[in-house]
Structures are given as C-alpha cells and as structure tokens.
Amino acid sequence: MSPHTIRVMTADDHPIVRAGLAAVIGEESDLTFVGEAGDGAQAVALFRAERPDVTLMDLRMPVLDGVGAIRAIRSEFPDARIVALTTYEGDTDIHRALEAGAVGYLLKDMLPTDVIDAIRAVHRGQRVIPPVVAGRLAEYTPRVELTEREREVLEYVARGFSNKDIARAIGRTDETVKIHLKSVFAKLGAADRTEAVTVALQRGIIHLD
C-alpha cells in the first residue's frame, strides 16, 4: 500500500451495499478500503480504530443513526471528513447531516464514478454537494422547523392514530393535539392530515422506516 493512498471506511446496514462500495474502492489505485460498519455505533468504534481519511456514512442505520454517528465522530475528531451516502433526499435530512458535520451528501443512485470523485474531492478539503442535492435545498427555502412534539404528533398521524389515540400516547389532551396539528399544518402549508404527512415524508421531516 502506498503511503499516499486515501484510506476509506464505510458504514451501512446493508451488506450488499458495503460489499459493492468495497469493490469499487478496491479498484482504485489511490484508494485503500480500511473497514466497514453495519450500524452507527460500530462506525464510531471503527473510526477510532482506523482513523480513515474519508468515511462514507449511511443515514438510516440501527443502534445509532448516521446523523448521530457523524455528530459523535466529529465531536471527538473535528477534522474527520465524512460524506453522507443515503437514499434520503429530503431537504431536512440534508440539513441534519450537514449540521452534524458531514462535508458531502450523495444519493445512492449516483454513479460509482461520482462516489469515487467525491472521495477524492473531500480528501482535498472540498465540500461535495451535487446539483441534485443543492437543488433540493433551494427548492425548500426558507426551512421549516417543527418542534420535537410536533414531529412526534405527526409521526403518530402517519401511523394512522386518531387525535384521541395520540393524546393518550403522549399524555396530553385532545385539544392539545389539535393545537399541535394546527401549527404543523400552518408550517407545512398543508390543508389536512394527509397532505401534512405527504409533505413531511417528501421532505424527510419524518420517516416511516
């Protein structure tokens, strides 16, 4: 291994994805694959052990999600260069990853060559925000910020809970739930529960998986 190769690790809960990335990285003479993690907690531990130059991080993982893993790694290693590589394309997901410390955001349907180019660019100290991702951010400006309680109520709505069921689940009154939903509708520009859930899923404000 050349001392000048870029050391890369990956974190993804799908073995097939990890194997594919390892194969693509292994074909490049200037890249070295140093390890893979299947969840966010493993990713943090592996980063400590390997100190890779660049990390490709999925956002949807068990134990600790990608945003949490990025935040944990960056708090301990401020210079860590982490690229989110995910199926999530909502503007809220993108903002969360970047605010946690990711220096790039790629979608999994991008070409392998795009991923390799991104690894090299991030290693050079550049940020990587492809046009499709930048366009997603520009499409929804200004940002919408739901409170934790509003997001929780909306997640219950997405799961088919009635107001009475939600009130029981969160330990509040029906009227309080209605107030939260009214605020959610206003922030999302939604006319009803169905539209609010649709918009929130599209933007990555909530997820059903």
C-alpha atoms as a PDB file:
ATOM      1  CA  MET A   1       0.000   0.000   0.000  1.00  0.00           C
ATOM      2  CA  SER A   2       1.342   3.389  -0.970  1.00  0.00           C
ATOM      3  CA  PRO A   3       1.678   5.886   1.897  1.00  0.00           C
ATOM      4  CA  HIS A   4      -0.186   8.375  -0.297  1.00  0.00           C
ATOM      5  CA  THR A   5      -3.372   6.353  -0.775  1.00  0.00           C
ATOM      6  CA  ILE A   6      -6.639   7.712   0.611  1.00  0.00           C
ATOM      7  CA  ARG A   7      -7.899   5.462   3.411  1.00  0.00           C
ATOM      8  CA  VAL A   8     -11.671   4.962   3.212  1.00  0.00           C
ATOM      9  CA  MET A   9     -14.191   3.306   5.540  1.00  0.00           C
ATOM     10  CA  THR A  10     -17.907   2.754   5.020  1.00  0.00           C
ATOM     11  CA  ALA A  11     -20.934   2.484   7.305  1.00  0.00           C
ATOM     12  CA  ASP A  12     -24.178   0.981   6.020  1.00  0.00           C
ATOM     13  CA  ASP A  13     -26.615  -1.571   7.429  1.00  0.00           C
ATOM     14  CA  HIS A  14     -26.936  -3.425   4.104  1.00  0.00           C
ATOM     15  CA  PRO A  15     -24.137  -5.973   3.483  1.00  0.00           C
ATOM     16  CA  ILE A  16     -24.671  -5.805  -0.286  1.00  0.00           C
ATOM     17  CA  VAL A  17     -24.132  -2.052  -0.297  1.00  0.00           C
ATOM     18  CA  ARG A  18     -20.994  -2.399   1.819  1.00  0.00           C
ATOM     19  CA  ALA A  19     -19.644  -5.115  -0.473  1.00  0.00           C
ATOM     20  CA  GLY A  20     -20.337  -3.000  -3.549  1.00  0.00           C
ATOM     21  CA  LEU A  21     -18.570   0.021  -2.111  1.00  0.00           C
ATOM     22  CA  ALA A  22     -15.592  -2.090  -1.030  1.00  0.00           C
ATOM     23  CA  ALA A  23     -15.297  -3.483  -4.560  1.00  0.00           C
ATOM     24  CA  VAL A  24     -15.499  -0.069  -6.209  1.00  0.00           C
ATOM     25  CA  ILE A  25     -12.982   1.462  -3.817  1.00  0.00           C
ATOM     26  CA  GLY A  26     -10.652  -1.529  -4.198  1.00  0.00           C
ATOM     27  CA  GLU A  27     -10.389  -0.960  -7.953  1.00  0.00           C
ATOM     28  CA  GLU A  28      -8.790   2.473  -7.489  1.00  0.00           C
ATOM     29  CA  SER A  29      -5.010   2.578  -7.086  1.00  0.00           C
ATOM     30  CA  ASP A  30      -5.100   5.750  -4.995  1.00  0.00           C
ATOM     31  CA  LEU A  31      -7.752   4.465  -2.556  1.00  0.00           C
ATOM     32  CA  THR A  32      -7.484   1.863   0.202  1.00  0.00           C
ATOM     33  CA  PHE A  33     -10.534   0.279   1.838  1.00  0.00           C
ATOM     34  CA  VAL A  34      -9.855   0.012   5.586  1.00  0.00           C
ATOM     35  CA  GLY A  35     -13.103  -1.347   7.010  1.00  0.00           C
ATOM     36  CA  GLU A  36     -16.878  -1.350   7.189  1.00  0.00           C
ATOM     37  CA  ALA A  37     -19.512  -0.920   9.892  1.00  0.00           C
ATOM     38  CA  GLY A  38     -23.099  -2.172   9.970  1.00  0.00           C
ATOM     39  CA  ASP A  39     -24.519   0.417  12.365  1.00  0.00           C
ATOM     40  CA  GLY A  40     -23.716   3.837  13.731  1.00  0.00           C
ATOM     41  CA  ALA A  41     -22.164   2.631  16.985  1.00  0.00           C
ATOM     42  CA  GLN A  42     -19.856   0.304  15.068  1.00  0.00           C
ATOM     43  CA  ALA A  43     -18.978   3.215  12.775  1.00  0.00           C
ATOM     44  CA  VAL A  44     -17.828   5.354  15.703  1.00  0.00           C
ATOM     45  CA  ALA A  45     -15.725   2.491  17.108  1.00  0.00           C
ATOM     46  CA  LEU A  46     -14.233   1.674  13.705  1.00  0.00           C
ATOM     47  CA  PHE A  47     -13.357   5.298  13.086  1.00  0.00           C
ATOM     48  CA  ARG A  48     -11.487   5.433  16.400  1.00  0.00           C
ATOM     49  CA  ALA A  49      -9.555   2.312  15.466  1.00  0.00           C
ATOM     50  CA  GLU A  50      -8.726   3.149  11.854  1.00  0.00           C
ATOM     51  CA  ARG A  51      -8.762   6.967  11.651  1.00  0.00           C
ATOM     52  CA  PRO A  52      -9.685   6.878   7.931  1.00  0.00           C
ATOM     53  CA  ASP A  53      -9.128   9.851   5.658  1.00  0.00           C
ATOM     54  CA  VAL A  54     -12.689   9.706   4.317  1.00  0.00           C
ATOM     55  CA  THR A  55     -15.820   7.971   5.616  1.00  0.00           C
ATOM     56  CA  LEU A  56     -18.964   7.139   3.625  1.00  0.00           C
ATOM     57  CA  MET A  57     -21.903   7.141   6.044  1.00  0.00           C
ATOM     58  CA  ASP A  58     -25.454   5.943   5.501  1.00  0.00           C
ATOM     59  CA  LEU A  59     -28.099   7.853   7.484  1.00  0.00           C
ATOM     60  CA  ARG A  60     -30.551   5.013   8.101  1.00  0.00           C
ATOM     61  CA  MET A  61     -28.854   2.538  10.453  1.00  0.00           C
ATOM     62  CA  PRO A  62     -29.771   0.690  13.655  1.00  0.00           C
ATOM     63  CA  VAL A  63     -28.414   1.316  17.172  1.00  0.00           C
ATOM     64  CA  LEU A  64     -27.220   4.814  16.249  1.00  0.00           C
ATOM     65  CA  ASP A  65     -28.311   6.514  13.044  1.00  0.00           C
ATOM     66  CA  GLY A  66     -25.929   8.167  10.619  1.00  0.00           C
ATOM     67  CA  VAL A  67     -26.511  11.703  11.837  1.00  0.00           C
ATOM     68  CA  GLY A  68     -25.806  10.614  15.406  1.00  0.00           C
ATOM     69  CA  ALA A  69     -22.658   8.784  14.292  1.00  0.00           C
ATOM     70  CA  ILE A  70     -21.434  11.788  12.309  1.00  0.00           C
ATOM     71  CA  ARG A  71     -22.002  14.039  15.302  1.00  0.00           C
ATOM     72  CA  ALA A  72     -20.214  11.640  17.665  1.00  0.00           C
ATOM     73  CA  ILE A  73     -17.204  11.237  15.385  1.00  0.00           C
ATOM     74  CA  ARG A  74     -16.877  14.937  14.650  1.00  0.00           C
ATOM     75  CA  SER A  75     -17.110  15.842  18.334  1.00  0.00           C
ATOM     76  CA  GLU A  76     -14.137  13.570  19.032  1.00  0.00           C
ATOM     77  CA  PHE A  77     -12.308  14.122  15.735  1.00  0.00           C
ATOM     78  CA  PRO A  78     -13.159  17.630  14.445  1.00  0.00           C
ATOM     79  CA  ASP A  79     -11.158  17.129  11.244  1.00  0.00           C
ATOM     80  CA  ALA A  80     -12.989  13.933  10.243  1.00  0.00           C
ATOM     81  CA  ARG A  81     -14.132  14.023   6.616  1.00  0.00           C
ATOM     82  CA  ILE A  82     -17.469  12.275   6.392  1.00  0.00           C
ATOM     83  CA  VAL A  83     -19.747  12.022   3.374  1.00  0.00           C
ATOM     84  CA  ALA A  84     -23.396  11.046   3.790  1.00  0.00           C
ATOM     85  CA  LEU A  85     -24.302   8.374   1.228  1.00  0.00           C
ATOM     86  CA  THR A  86     -28.009   7.661   1.504  1.00  0.00           C
ATOM     87  CA  THR A  87     -31.383   7.129  -0.127  1.00  0.00           C
ATOM     88  CA  TYR A  88     -32.812  10.016   1.904  1.00  0.00           C
ATOM     89  CA  GLU A  89     -33.236  13.057  -0.343  1.00  0.00           C
ATOM     90  CA  GLY A  90     -35.445  15.332   1.753  1.00  0.00           C
ATOM     91  CA  ASP A  91     -34.116  18.811   2.464  1.00  0.00           C
ATOM     92  CA  THR A  92     -34.477  18.218   6.212  1.00  0.00           C
ATOM     93  CA  ASP A  93     -32.283  15.104   6.003  1.00  0.00           C
ATOM     94  CA  ILE A  94     -29.642  17.042   4.080  1.00  0.00           C
ATOM     95  CA  HIS A  95     -29.626  19.889   6.603  1.00  0.00           C
ATOM     96  CA  ARG A  96     -29.360  17.467   9.536  1.00  0.00           C
ATOM     97  CA  ALA A  97     -26.370  15.673   8.034  1.00  0.00           C
ATOM     98  CA  LEU A  98     -24.532  18.859   7.120  1.00  0.00           C
ATOM     99  CA  GLU A  99     -25.210  20.439  10.501  1.00  0.00           C
ATOM    100  CA  ALA A 100     -23.897  17.285  12.205  1.00  0.00           C
ATOM    101  CA  GLY A 101     -20.606  17.771  10.362  1.00  0.00           C
ATOM    102  CA  ALA A 102     -20.848  15.937   7.041  1.00  0.00           C
ATOM    103  CA  VAL A 103     -18.746  17.596   4.334  1.00  0.00           C
ATOM    104  CA  GLY A 104     -20.659  15.978   1.496  1.00  0.00           C
ATOM    105  CA  TYR A 105     -24.056  14.487   0.677  1.00  0.00           C
ATOM    106  CA  LEU A 106     -24.502  11.837  -2.007  1.00  0.00           C
ATOM    107  CA  LEU A 107     -27.510   9.787  -3.060  1.00  0.00           C
ATOM    108  CA  LYS A 108     -27.100   6.047  -3.531  1.00  0.00           C
ATOM    109  CA  ASP A 109     -28.421   6.103  -7.085  1.00  0.00           C
ATOM    110  CA  MET A 110     -25.433   8.173  -8.209  1.00  0.00           C
ATOM    111  CA  LEU A 111     -22.806   6.519 -10.386  1.00  0.00           C
ATOM    112  CA  PRO A 112     -19.840   4.792  -8.713  1.00  0.00           C
ATOM    113  CA  THR A 113     -17.559   7.246 -10.508  1.00  0.00           C
ATOM    114  CA  ASP A 114     -19.371  10.103  -8.765  1.00  0.00           C
ATOM    115  CA  VAL A 115     -18.736   8.476  -5.397  1.00  0.00           C
ATOM    116  CA  ILE A 116     -15.041   7.990  -6.168  1.00  0.00           C
ATOM    117  CA  ASP A 117     -14.726  11.587  -7.393  1.00  0.00           C
ATOM    118  CA  ALA A 118     -16.411  12.761  -4.192  1.00  0.00           C
ATOM    119  CA  ILE A 119     -13.964  10.809  -2.026  1.00  0.00           C
ATOM    120  CA  ARG A 120     -11.038  12.471  -3.771  1.00  0.00           C
ATOM    121  CA  ALA A 121     -12.608  15.922  -3.613  1.00  0.00           C
ATOM    122  CA  VAL A 122     -13.378  15.631   0.106  1.00  0.00           C
ATOM    123  CA  HIS A 123      -9.840  14.407   0.755  1.00  0.00           C
ATOM    124  CA  ARG A 124      -8.581  17.588  -0.961  1.00  0.00           C
ATOM    125  CA  GLY A 125     -10.604  19.603   1.534  1.00  0.00           C
ATOM    126  CA  GLN A 126     -13.588  20.375  -0.686  1.00  0.00           C
ATOM    127  CA  ARG A 127     -17.263  20.088   0.177  1.00  0.00           C
ATOM    128  CA  VAL A 128     -19.351  17.898  -2.130  1.00  0.00           C
ATOM    129  CA  ILE A 129     -22.955  18.946  -2.747  1.00  0.00           C
ATOM    130  CA  PRO A 130     -24.089  17.627  -6.174  1.00  0.00           C
ATOM    131  CA  PRO A 131     -26.530  19.766  -8.211  1.00  0.00           C
ATOM    132  CA  VAL A 132     -29.488  17.476  -7.423  1.00  0.00           C
ATOM    133  CA  VAL A 133     -28.850  17.894  -3.690  1.00  0.00           C
ATOM    134  CA  ALA A 134     -28.275  21.638  -3.935  1.00  0.00           C
ATOM    135  CA  GLY A 135     -31.471  21.902  -5.948  1.00  0.00           C
ATOM    136  CA  ARG A 136     -33.376  20.098  -3.225  1.00  0.00           C
ATOM    137  CA  LEU A 137     -32.159  22.603  -0.655  1.00  0.00           C
ATOM    138  CA  ALA A 138     -33.022  25.558  -2.893  1.00  0.00           C
ATOM    139  CA  GLU A 139     -36.487  24.155  -3.584  1.00  0.00           C
ATOM    140  CA  TYR A 140     -37.458  24.453   0.061  1.00  0.00           C
ATOM    141  CA  THR A 141     -36.232  27.821   1.289  1.00  0.00           C
ATOM    142  CA  PRO A 142     -36.757  29.045   3.958  1.00  0.00           C
ATOM    143  CA  ARG A 143     -36.528  25.943   6.094  1.00  0.00           C
ATOM    144  CA  VAL A 144     -39.402  24.522   8.095  1.00  0.00           C
ATOM    145  CA  GLU A 145     -38.669  23.685  11.708  1.00  0.00           C
ATOM    146  CA  LEU A 146     -41.151  21.546  13.611  1.00  0.00           C
ATOM    147  CA  THR A 147     -40.734  21.172  17.357  1.00  0.00           C
ATOM    148  CA  GLU A 148     -39.934  17.715  18.721  1.00  0.00           C
ATOM    149  CA  ARG A 149     -43.505  17.421  19.990  1.00  0.00           C
ATOM    150  CA  GLU A 150     -44.955  18.483  16.637  1.00  0.00           C
ATOM    151  CA  ARG A 151     -42.819  15.912  14.859  1.00  0.00           C
ATOM    152  CA  GLU A 152     -43.883  13.241  17.340  1.00  0.00           C
ATOM    153  CA  VAL A 153     -47.572  14.042  16.820  1.00  0.00           C
ATOM    154  CA  LEU A 154     -47.145  13.995  13.047  1.00  0.00           C
ATOM    155  CA  GLU A 155     -45.413  10.611  13.205  1.00  0.00           C
ATOM    156  CA  TYR A 156     -48.417   9.233  15.080  1.00  0.00           C
ATOM    157  CA  VAL A 157     -50.705  10.707  12.427  1.00  0.00           C
ATOM    158  CA  ALA A 158     -48.624   8.995   9.727  1.00  0.00           C
ATOM    159  CA  ARG A 159     -49.124   5.695  11.562  1.00  0.00           C
ATOM    160  CA  GLY A 160     -52.903   6.151  11.492  1.00  0.00           C
ATOM    161  CA  PHE A 161     -53.520   7.262  15.068  1.00  0.00           C
ATOM    162  CA  SER A 162     -56.612   9.347  15.814  1.00  0.00           C
ATOM    163  CA  ASN A 163     -56.336  12.536  17.873  1.00  0.00           C
ATOM    164  CA  LYS A 164     -57.678  10.654  20.884  1.00  0.00           C
ATOM    165  CA  ASP A 165     -55.076   7.892  20.428  1.00  0.00           C
ATOM    166  CA  ILE A 166     -52.291  10.459  20.052  1.00  0.00           C
ATOM    167  CA  ALA A 167     -53.420  12.311  23.175  1.00  0.00           C
ATOM    168  CA  ARG A 168     -53.313   9.066  25.134  1.00  0.00           C
ATOM    169  CA  ALA A 169     -49.876   8.167  23.738  1.00  0.00           C
ATOM    170  CA  ILE A 170     -48.245  11.488  24.614  1.00  0.00           C
ATOM    171  CA  GLY A 171     -50.140  12.067  27.852  1.00  0.00           C
ATOM    172  CA  ARG A 172     -51.915  15.219  26.724  1.00  0.00           C
ATOM    173  CA  THR A 173     -55.492  16.276  25.948  1.00  0.00           C
ATOM    174  CA  ASP A 174     -57.265  16.046  22.598  1.00  0.00           C
ATOM    175  CA  GLU A 175     -57.290  19.840  22.460  1.00  0.00           C
ATOM    176  CA  THR A 176     -53.509  19.978  22.848  1.00  0.00           C
ATOM    177  CA  VAL A 177     -53.123  17.553  19.944  1.00  0.00           C
ATOM    178  CA  LYS A 178     -55.377  19.733  17.810  1.00  0.00           C
ATOM    179  CA  ILE A 179     -53.252  22.773  18.631  1.00  0.00           C
ATOM    180  CA  HIS A 180     -50.079  20.932  17.629  1.00  0.00           C
ATOM    181  CA  LEU A 181     -51.654  19.787  14.362  1.00  0.00           C
ATOM    182  CA  LYS A 182     -52.877  23.278  13.564  1.00  0.00           C
ATOM    183  CA  SER A 183     -49.310  24.536  13.966  1.00  0.00           C
ATOM    184  CA  VAL A 184     -47.971  21.692  11.813  1.00  0.00           C
ATOM    185  CA  PHE A 185     -50.476  22.425   9.031  1.00  0.00           C
ATOM    186  CA  ALA A 186     -49.509  26.108   9.044  1.00  0.00           C
ATOM    187  CA  LYS A 187     -45.757  25.419   8.941  1.00  0.00           C
ATOM    188  CA  LEU A 188     -46.059  22.862   6.140  1.00  0.00           C
ATOM    189  CA  GLY A 189     -48.689  24.756   4.165  1.00  0.00           C
ATOM    190  CA  ALA A 190     -50.931  21.698   4.411  1.00  0.00           C
ATOM    191  CA  ALA A 191     -54.725  21.683   4.301  1.00  0.00           C
ATOM    192  CA  ASP A 192     -55.240  18.441   6.193  1.00  0.00           C
ATOM    193  CA  ARG A 193     -53.609  15.450   7.886  1.00  0.00           C
ATOM    194  CA  THR A 194     -52.966  13.542   4.671  1.00  0.00           C
ATOM    195  CA  GLU A 195     -51.245  16.456   2.962  1.00  0.00           C
ATOM    196  CA  ALA A 196     -49.167  17.189   6.069  1.00  0.00           C
ATOM    197  CA  VAL A 197     -47.907  13.603   6.217  1.00  0.00           C
ATOM    198  CA  THR A 198     -47.189  13.572   2.477  1.00  0.00           C
ATOM    199  CA  VAL A 199     -45.162  16.789   2.631  1.00  0.00           C
ATOM    200  CA  ALA A 200     -43.302  15.695   5.775  1.00  0.00           C
ATOM    201  CA  LEU A 201     -42.320  12.354   4.233  1.00  0.00           C
ATOM    202  CA  GLN A 202     -41.214  14.012   0.999  1.00  0.00           C
ATOM    203  CA  ARG A 203     -39.011  16.478   2.849  1.00  0.00           C
ATOM    204  CA  GLY A 204     -37.540  13.992   5.278  1.00  0.00           C
ATOM    205  CA  ILE A 205     -39.110  15.628   8.322  1.00  0.00           C
ATOM    206  CA  ILE A 206     -40.454  12.222   9.345  1.00  0.00           C
ATOM    207  CA  HIS A 207     -39.778   8.661   8.158  1.00  0.00           C
ATOM    208  CA  LEU A 208     -41.911   5.556   8.297  1.00  0.00           C
ATOM    209  CA  ASP A 209     -38.997   3.067   8.293  1.00  0.00           C
END
